[in-house]
Amino acid sequence: MDSQTTAIINILNDPKYTLLFLVLLIWGLIWKGIALWRAAKNGQRNWFIAMLVVNTFGILEMAYIFYFNKKSTAVKKDEKTN
């Protein structure tokens, strides 16, 4: 193995990076679960598929929850009042 590969392996074996990876994994799973649930509940199939396939450590999911989900909820409330 070359020195760069050895350095990467040593970094990945460091407990600090293992903890960081686990924190990012849990962070992303929480946001993904909430966003997928809301997309399914709102019948937004394209959002559901995009969030299921693309792993962004919660960034896409947070954008959906805080920006796009509110718009779809507001539209549904307006439709119910008419």
PDB file of N, CA and C in Angstrom:
ATOM      1  N   MET A   1       0.835  -1.184   0.000  1.00  0.00           N
ATOM      2  CA  MET A   1       0.000   0.000   0.000  1.00  0.00           C
ATOM      3  C   MET A   1       0.879   1.247   0.000  1.00  0.00           C
ATOM      4  N   ASP A   2       0.365   2.273  -0.630  1.00  0.00           N
ATOM      5  CA  ASP A   2       1.113   3.533  -0.620  1.00  0.00           C
ATOM      6  C   ASP A   2       0.825   4.310   0.668  1.00  0.00           C
ATOM      7  N   SER A   3       1.559   5.369   0.877  1.00  0.00           N
ATOM      8  CA  SER A   3       1.453   6.124   2.132  1.00  0.00           C
ATOM      9  C   SER A   3       0.102   6.828   2.271  1.00  0.00           C
ATOM     10  N   GLN A   4      -0.475   7.254   1.155  1.00  0.00           N
ATOM     11  CA  GLN A   4      -1.768   7.939   1.222  1.00  0.00           C
ATOM     12  C   GLN A   4      -2.874   6.976   1.663  1.00  0.00           C
ATOM     13  N   THR A   5      -2.868   5.777   1.127  1.00  0.00           N
ATOM     14  CA  THR A   5      -3.860   4.775   1.515  1.00  0.00           C
ATOM     15  C   THR A   5      -3.708   4.406   2.986  1.00  0.00           C
ATOM     16  N   THR A   6      -2.474   4.257   3.426  1.00  0.00           N
ATOM     17  CA  THR A   6      -2.214   3.947   4.828  1.00  0.00           C
ATOM     18  C   THR A   6      -2.710   5.070   5.736  1.00  0.00           C
ATOM     19  N   ALA A   7      -2.499   6.313   5.330  1.00  0.00           N
ATOM     20  CA  ALA A   7      -2.956   7.457   6.124  1.00  0.00           C
ATOM     21  C   ALA A   7      -4.478   7.481   6.221  1.00  0.00           C
ATOM     22  N   ILE A   8      -5.156   7.193   5.134  1.00  0.00           N
ATOM     23  CA  ILE A   8      -6.626   7.171   5.137  1.00  0.00           C
ATOM     24  C   ILE A   8      -7.138   6.064   6.049  1.00  0.00           C
ATOM     25  N   ILE A   9      -6.516   4.904   5.984  1.00  0.00           N
ATOM     26  CA  ILE A   9      -6.921   3.791   6.849  1.00  0.00           C
ATOM     27  C   ILE A   9      -6.704   4.145   8.314  1.00  0.00           C
ATOM     28  N   ASN A  10      -5.594   4.794   8.620  1.00  0.00           N
ATOM     29  CA  ASN A  10      -5.326   5.202  10.003  1.00  0.00           C
ATOM     30  C   ASN A  10      -6.355   6.216  10.494  1.00  0.00           C
ATOM     31  N   ILE A  11      -6.753   7.134   9.630  1.00  0.00           N
ATOM     32  CA  ILE A  11      -7.773   8.120  10.005  1.00  0.00           C
ATOM     33  C   ILE A  11      -9.110   7.432  10.264  1.00  0.00           C
ATOM     34  N   LEU A  12      -9.471   6.494   9.399  1.00  0.00           N
ATOM     35  CA  LEU A  12     -10.751   5.804   9.558  1.00  0.00           C
ATOM     36  C   LEU A  12     -10.784   4.917  10.797  1.00  0.00           C
ATOM     37  N   ASN A  13      -9.632   4.456  11.242  1.00  0.00           N
ATOM     38  CA  ASN A  13      -9.569   3.626  12.450  1.00  0.00           C
ATOM     39  C   ASN A  13      -9.519   4.446  13.732  1.00  0.00           C
ATOM     40  N   ASP A  14      -9.402   5.745  13.618  1.00  0.00           N
ATOM     41  CA  ASP A  14      -9.349   6.621  14.789  1.00  0.00           C
ATOM     42  C   ASP A  14     -10.745   6.717  15.411  1.00  0.00           C
ATOM     43  N   PRO A  15     -10.873   6.470  16.720  1.00  0.00           N
ATOM     44  CA  PRO A  15     -12.202   6.511  17.369  1.00  0.00           C
ATOM     45  C   PRO A  15     -12.918   7.854  17.238  1.00  0.00           C
ATOM     46  N   LYS A  16     -12.178   8.957  17.132  1.00  0.00           N
ATOM     47  CA  LYS A  16     -12.832  10.263  16.980  1.00  0.00           C
ATOM     48  C   LYS A  16     -13.635  10.311  15.689  1.00  0.00           C
ATOM     49  N   TYR A  17     -13.070   9.771  14.619  1.00  0.00           N
ATOM     50  CA  TYR A  17     -13.764   9.804  13.339  1.00  0.00           C
ATOM     51  C   TYR A  17     -14.897   8.790  13.289  1.00  0.00           C
ATOM     52  N   THR A  18     -14.750   7.696  14.014  1.00  0.00           N
ATOM     53  CA  THR A  18     -15.843   6.737  14.103  1.00  0.00           C
ATOM     54  C   THR A  18     -17.039   7.380  14.800  1.00  0.00           C
ATOM     55  N   LEU A  19     -16.766   8.106  15.877  1.00  0.00           N
ATOM     56  CA  LEU A  19     -17.837   8.809  16.590  1.00  0.00           C
ATOM     57  C   LEU A  19     -18.480   9.873  15.700  1.00  0.00           C
ATOM     58  N   LEU A  20     -17.670  10.621  14.967  1.00  0.00           N
ATOM     59  CA  LEU A  20     -18.192  11.634  14.049  1.00  0.00           C
ATOM     60  C   LEU A  20     -19.084  10.995  12.993  1.00  0.00           C
ATOM     61  N   PHE A  21     -18.642   9.871  12.441  1.00  0.00           N
ATOM     62  CA  PHE A  21     -19.431   9.170  11.439  1.00  0.00           C
ATOM     63  C   PHE A  21     -20.771   8.717  12.017  1.00  0.00           C
ATOM     64  N   LEU A  22     -20.750   8.164  13.221  1.00  0.00           N
ATOM     65  CA  LEU A  22     -21.994   7.711  13.844  1.00  0.00           C
ATOM     66  C   LEU A  22     -22.945   8.868  14.126  1.00  0.00           C
ATOM     67  N   VAL A  23     -22.405   9.990  14.576  1.00  0.00           N
ATOM     68  CA  VAL A  23     -23.238  11.169  14.829  1.00  0.00           C
ATOM     69  C   VAL A  23     -23.875  11.652  13.529  1.00  0.00           C
ATOM     70  N   LEU A  24     -23.087  11.728  12.448  1.00  0.00           N
ATOM     71  CA  LEU A  24     -23.635  12.143  11.150  1.00  0.00           C
ATOM     72  C   LEU A  24     -24.672  11.153  10.638  1.00  0.00           C
ATOM     73  N   LEU A  25     -24.429   9.879  10.850  1.00  0.00           N
ATOM     74  CA  LEU A  25     -25.372   8.859  10.416  1.00  0.00           C
ATOM     75  C   LEU A  25     -26.705   8.991  11.151  1.00  0.00           C
ATOM     76  N   ILE A  26     -26.653   9.134  12.459  1.00  0.00           N
ATOM     77  CA  ILE A  26     -27.884   9.283  13.249  1.00  0.00           C
ATOM     78  C   ILE A  26     -28.598  10.578  12.898  1.00  0.00           C
ATOM     79  N   TRP A  27     -27.834  11.672  12.757  1.00  0.00           N
ATOM     80  CA  TRP A  27     -28.387  12.977  12.369  1.00  0.00           C
ATOM     81  C   TRP A  27     -29.152  12.855  11.049  1.00  0.00           C
ATOM     82  N   GLY A  28     -28.522  12.252  10.051  1.00  0.00           N
ATOM     83  CA  GLY A  28     -29.153  12.102   8.743  1.00  0.00           C
ATOM     84  C   GLY A  28     -30.371  11.200   8.778  1.00  0.00           C
ATOM     85  N   LEU A  29     -30.303  10.115   9.552  1.00  0.00           N
ATOM     86  CA  LEU A  29     -31.439   9.197   9.632  1.00  0.00           C
ATOM     87  C   LEU A  29     -32.657   9.839  10.284  1.00  0.00           C
ATOM     88  N   ILE A  30     -32.428  10.648  11.297  1.00  0.00           N
ATOM     89  CA  ILE A  30     -33.551  11.332  11.954  1.00  0.00           C
ATOM     90  C   ILE A  30     -34.252  12.263  10.972  1.00  0.00           C
ATOM     91  N   TRP A  31     -33.485  13.112  10.303  1.00  0.00           N
ATOM     92  CA  TRP A  31     -34.085  14.051   9.346  1.00  0.00           C
ATOM     93  C   TRP A  31     -34.720  13.314   8.174  1.00  0.00           C
ATOM     94  N   LYS A  32     -34.068  12.249   7.696  1.00  0.00           N
ATOM     95  CA  LYS A  32     -34.615  11.488   6.577  1.00  0.00           C
ATOM     96  C   LYS A  32     -35.941  10.850   6.965  1.00  0.00           C
ATOM     97  N   GLY A  33     -36.018  10.291   8.160  1.00  0.00           N
ATOM     98  CA  GLY A  33     -37.256   9.664   8.608  1.00  0.00           C
ATOM     99  C   GLY A  33     -38.409  10.649   8.688  1.00  0.00           C
ATOM    100  N   ILE A  34     -38.153  11.815   9.281  1.00  0.00           N
ATOM    101  CA  ILE A  34     -39.200  12.839   9.396  1.00  0.00           C
ATOM    102  C   ILE A  34     -39.646  13.310   8.016  1.00  0.00           C
ATOM    103  N   ALA A  35     -38.679  13.592   7.150  1.00  0.00           N
ATOM    104  CA  ALA A  35     -39.010  14.113   5.820  1.00  0.00           C
ATOM    105  C   ALA A  35     -39.727  13.073   4.966  1.00  0.00           C
ATOM    106  N   LEU A  36     -39.281  11.816   5.016  1.00  0.00           N
ATOM    107  CA  LEU A  36     -39.953  10.771   4.241  1.00  0.00           C
ATOM    108  C   LEU A  36     -41.382  10.565   4.732  1.00  0.00           C
ATOM    109  N   TRP A  37     -41.575  10.610   6.029  1.00  0.00           N
ATOM    110  CA  TRP A  37     -42.916  10.451   6.584  1.00  0.00           C
ATOM    111  C   TRP A  37     -43.829  11.573   6.107  1.00  0.00           C
ATOM    112  N   ARG A  38     -43.337  12.816   6.153  1.00  0.00           N
ATOM    113  CA  ARG A  38     -44.163  13.952   5.718  1.00  0.00           C
ATOM    114  C   ARG A  38     -44.437  13.908   4.221  1.00  0.00           C
ATOM    115  N   ALA A  39     -43.429  13.532   3.427  1.00  0.00           N
ATOM    116  CA  ALA A  39     -43.636  13.453   1.980  1.00  0.00           C
ATOM    117  C   ALA A  39     -44.673  12.383   1.643  1.00  0.00           C
ATOM    118  N   ALA A  40     -44.598  11.252   2.321  1.00  0.00           N
ATOM    119  CA  ALA A  40     -45.584  10.194   2.080  1.00  0.00           C
ATOM    120  C   ALA A  40     -46.972  10.642   2.522  1.00  0.00           C
ATOM    121  N   LYS A  41     -47.041  11.303   3.663  1.00  0.00           N
ATOM    122  CA  LYS A  41     -48.324  11.784   4.191  1.00  0.00           C
ATOM    123  C   LYS A  41     -48.961  12.810   3.256  1.00  0.00           C
ATOM    124  N   ASN A  42     -48.121  13.656   2.626  1.00  0.00           N
ATOM    125  CA  ASN A  42     -48.622  14.686   1.718  1.00  0.00           C
ATOM    126  C   ASN A  42     -48.774  14.188   0.282  1.00  0.00           C
ATOM    127  N   GLY A  43     -48.458  12.931   0.033  1.00  0.00           N
ATOM    128  CA  GLY A  43     -48.607  12.368  -1.303  1.00  0.00           C
ATOM    129  C   GLY A  43     -47.621  12.922  -2.314  1.00  0.00           C
ATOM    130  N   GLN A  44     -46.454  13.334  -1.855  1.00  0.00           N
ATOM    131  CA  GLN A  44     -45.446  13.910  -2.747  1.00  0.00           C
ATOM    132  C   GLN A  44     -44.429  12.835  -3.124  1.00  0.00           C
ATOM    133  N   ARG A  45     -44.778  12.051  -4.123  1.00  0.00           N
ATOM    134  CA  ARG A  45     -43.982  10.897  -4.529  1.00  0.00           C
ATOM    135  C   ARG A  45     -42.587  11.278  -5.003  1.00  0.00           C
ATOM    136  N   ASN A  46     -42.464  12.359  -5.774  1.00  0.00           N
ATOM    137  CA  ASN A  46     -41.150  12.748  -6.292  1.00  0.00           C
ATOM    138  C   ASN A  46     -40.191  13.136  -5.170  1.00  0.00           C
ATOM    139  N   TRP A  47     -40.682  13.876  -4.189  1.00  0.00           N
ATOM    140  CA  TRP A  47     -39.851  14.214  -3.032  1.00  0.00           C
ATOM    141  C   TRP A  47     -39.464  12.955  -2.272  1.00  0.00           C
ATOM    142  N   PHE A  48     -40.403  12.058  -2.097  1.00  0.00           N
ATOM    143  CA  PHE A  48     -40.129  10.823  -1.369  1.00  0.00           C
ATOM    144  C   PHE A  48     -39.010  10.040  -2.043  1.00  0.00           C
ATOM    145  N   ILE A  49     -39.092   9.882  -3.352  1.00  0.00           N
ATOM    146  CA  ILE A  49     -38.072   9.129  -4.091  1.00  0.00           C
ATOM    147  C   ILE A  49     -36.723   9.832  -4.029  1.00  0.00           C
ATOM    148  N   ALA A  50     -36.710  11.146  -4.211  1.00  0.00           N
ATOM    149  CA  ALA A  50     -35.444  11.892  -4.179  1.00  0.00           C
ATOM    150  C   ALA A  50     -34.769  11.765  -2.821  1.00  0.00           C
ATOM    151  N   MET A  51     -35.535  11.902  -1.755  1.00  0.00           N
ATOM    152  CA  MET A  51     -34.937  11.820  -0.419  1.00  0.00           C
ATOM    153  C   MET A  51     -34.541  10.397  -0.058  1.00  0.00           C
ATOM    154  N   LEU A  52     -35.220   9.421  -0.618  1.00  0.00           N
ATOM    155  CA  LEU A  52     -34.877   8.032  -0.354  1.00  0.00           C
ATOM    156  C   LEU A  52     -33.570   7.651  -1.044  1.00  0.00           C
ATOM    157  N   VAL A  53     -33.345   8.174  -2.247  1.00  0.00           N
ATOM    158  CA  VAL A  53     -32.179   7.792  -3.046  1.00  0.00           C
ATOM    159  C   VAL A  53     -30.946   8.623  -2.714  1.00  0.00           C
ATOM    160  N   VAL A  54     -31.108   9.922  -2.499  1.00  0.00           N
ATOM    161  CA  VAL A  54     -29.972  10.826  -2.319  1.00  0.00           C
ATOM    162  C   VAL A  54     -29.646  10.963  -0.834  1.00  0.00           C
ATOM    163  N   ASN A  55     -28.382  10.724  -0.485  1.00  0.00           N
ATOM    164  CA  ASN A  55     -27.949  10.878   0.907  1.00  0.00           C
ATOM    165  C   ASN A  55     -27.199  12.191   1.043  1.00  0.00           C
ATOM    166  N   THR A  56     -27.784  13.138   1.774  1.00  0.00           N
ATOM    167  CA  THR A  56     -27.177  14.463   1.932  1.00  0.00           C
ATOM    168  C   THR A  56     -26.946  14.806   3.394  1.00  0.00           C
ATOM    169  N   PHE A  57     -26.927  13.803   4.270  1.00  0.00           N
ATOM    170  CA  PHE A  57     -26.744  14.001   5.707  1.00  0.00           C
ATOM    171  C   PHE A  57     -27.752  14.993   6.276  1.00  0.00           C
ATOM    172  N   GLY A  58     -28.962  14.954   5.762  1.00  0.00           N
ATOM    173  CA  GLY A  58     -30.041  15.752   6.323  1.00  0.00           C
ATOM    174  C   GLY A  58     -30.295  17.087   5.651  1.00  0.00           C
ATOM    175  N   ILE A  59     -29.435  17.513   4.747  1.00  0.00           N
ATOM    176  CA  ILE A  59     -29.587  18.840   4.143  1.00  0.00           C
ATOM    177  C   ILE A  59     -30.838  18.902   3.267  1.00  0.00           C
ATOM    178  N   LEU A  60     -30.999  17.961   2.353  1.00  0.00           N
ATOM    179  CA  LEU A  60     -32.178  17.938   1.483  1.00  0.00           C
ATOM    180  C   LEU A  60     -33.446  17.744   2.311  1.00  0.00           C
ATOM    181  N   GLU A  61     -33.359  16.896   3.316  1.00  0.00           N
ATOM    182  CA  GLU A  61     -34.519  16.629   4.153  1.00  0.00           C
ATOM    183  C   GLU A  61     -34.947  17.869   4.935  1.00  0.00           C
ATOM    184  N   MET A  62     -33.967  18.613   5.480  1.00  0.00           N
ATOM    185  CA  MET A  62     -34.300  19.839   6.216  1.00  0.00           C
ATOM    186  C   MET A  62     -34.888  20.891   5.280  1.00  0.00           C
ATOM    187  N   ALA A  63     -34.364  20.979   4.050  1.00  0.00           N
ATOM    188  CA  ALA A  63     -34.916  21.928   3.083  1.00  0.00           C
ATOM    189  C   ALA A  63     -36.375  21.589   2.803  1.00  0.00           C
ATOM    190  N   TYR A  64     -36.669  20.304   2.655  1.00  0.00           N
ATOM    191  CA  TYR A  64     -38.052  19.897   2.416  1.00  0.00           C
ATOM    192  C   TYR A  64     -38.933  20.231   3.619  1.00  0.00           C
ATOM    193  N   ILE A  65     -38.484  19.860   4.801  1.00  0.00           N
ATOM    194  CA  ILE A  65     -39.307  20.049   6.001  1.00  0.00           C
ATOM    195  C   ILE A  65     -39.582  21.523   6.267  1.00  0.00           C
ATOM    196  N   PHE A  66     -38.548  22.356   6.204  1.00  0.00           N
ATOM    197  CA  PHE A  66     -38.703  23.753   6.606  1.00  0.00           C
ATOM    198  C   PHE A  66     -39.143  24.684   5.482  1.00  0.00           C
ATOM    199  N   TYR A  67     -38.956  24.289   4.220  1.00  0.00           N
ATOM    200  CA  TYR A  67     -39.311  25.196   3.135  1.00  0.00           C
ATOM    201  C   TYR A  67     -40.440  24.641   2.274  1.00  0.00           C
ATOM    202  N   PHE A  68     -40.249  23.495   1.687  1.00  0.00           N
ATOM    203  CA  PHE A  68     -41.214  22.982   0.719  1.00  0.00           C
ATOM    204  C   PHE A  68     -42.446  22.379   1.376  1.00  0.00           C
ATOM    205  N   ASN A  69     -42.310  21.760   2.528  1.00  0.00           N
ATOM    206  CA  ASN A  69     -43.448  21.138   3.195  1.00  0.00           C
ATOM    207  C   ASN A  69     -44.482  22.170   3.616  1.00  0.00           C
ATOM    208  N   LYS A  70     -44.059  23.332   4.086  1.00  0.00           N
ATOM    209  CA  LYS A  70     -45.003  24.365   4.510  1.00  0.00           C
ATOM    210  C   LYS A  70     -45.848  24.852   3.348  1.00  0.00           C
ATOM    211  N   LYS A  71     -45.251  24.955   2.165  1.00  0.00           N
ATOM    212  CA  LYS A  71     -46.018  25.396   1.000  1.00  0.00           C
ATOM    213  C   LYS A  71     -47.109  24.397   0.662  1.00  0.00           C
ATOM    214  N   SER A  72     -46.785  23.110   0.691  1.00  0.00           N
ATOM    215  CA  SER A  72     -47.797  22.121   0.333  1.00  0.00           C
ATOM    216  C   SER A  72     -48.900  22.066   1.382  1.00  0.00           C
ATOM    217  N   THR A  73     -48.565  22.257   2.651  1.00  0.00           N
ATOM    218  CA  THR A  73     -49.577  22.266   3.702  1.00  0.00           C
ATOM    219  C   THR A  73     -50.494  23.468   3.547  1.00  0.00           C
ATOM    220  N   ALA A  74     -49.936  24.624   3.209  1.00  0.00           N
ATOM    221  CA  ALA A  74     -50.743  25.828   3.024  1.00  0.00           C
ATOM    222  C   ALA A  74     -51.687  25.666   1.841  1.00  0.00           C
ATOM    223  N   VAL A  75     -51.226  25.038   0.785  1.00  0.00           N
ATOM    224  CA  VAL A  75     -52.073  24.820  -0.385  1.00  0.00           C
ATOM    225  C   VAL A  75     -53.227  23.905  -0.018  1.00  0.00           C
ATOM    226  N   LYS A  76     -52.965  22.862   0.735  1.00  0.00           N
ATOM    227  CA  LYS A  76     -54.031  21.938   1.116  1.00  0.00           C
ATOM    228  C   LYS A  76     -55.055  22.615   2.016  1.00  0.00           C
ATOM    229  N   LYS A  77     -54.621  23.498   2.915  1.00  0.00           N
ATOM    230  CA  LYS A  77     -55.557  24.212   3.781  1.00  0.00           C
ATOM    231  C   LYS A  77     -56.443  25.141   2.966  1.00  0.00           C
ATOM    232  N   ASP A  78     -55.859  25.816   1.949  1.00  0.00           N
ATOM    233  CA  ASP A  78     -56.645  26.698   1.090  1.00  0.00           C
ATOM    234  C   ASP A  78     -57.673  25.911   0.291  1.00  0.00           C
ATOM    235  N   GLU A  79     -57.303  24.713  -0.160  1.00  0.00           N
ATOM    236  CA  GLU A  79     -58.230  23.900  -0.933  1.00  0.00           C
ATOM    237  C   GLU A  79     -59.407  23.442  -0.073  1.00  0.00           C
ATOM    238  N   LYS A  80     -59.166  23.177   1.200  1.00  0.00           N
ATOM    239  CA  LYS A  80     -60.233  22.713   2.086  1.00  0.00           C
ATOM    240  C   LYS A  80     -61.236  23.820   2.388  1.00  0.00           C
ATOM    241  N   THR A  81     -60.773  25.076   2.437  1.00  0.00           N
ATOM    242  CA  THR A  81     -61.676  26.179   2.759  1.00  0.00           C
ATOM    243  C   THR A  81     -62.538  26.570   1.570  1.00  0.00           C
ATOM    244  N   ASN A  82     -62.126  26.263   0.367  1.00  0.00           N
ATOM    245  CA  ASN A  82     -62.900  26.648  -0.830  1.00  0.00           C
ATOM    246  C   ASN A  82     -63.941  25.649  -1.172  1.00  0.00           C
TER     247      ASN A  82
END
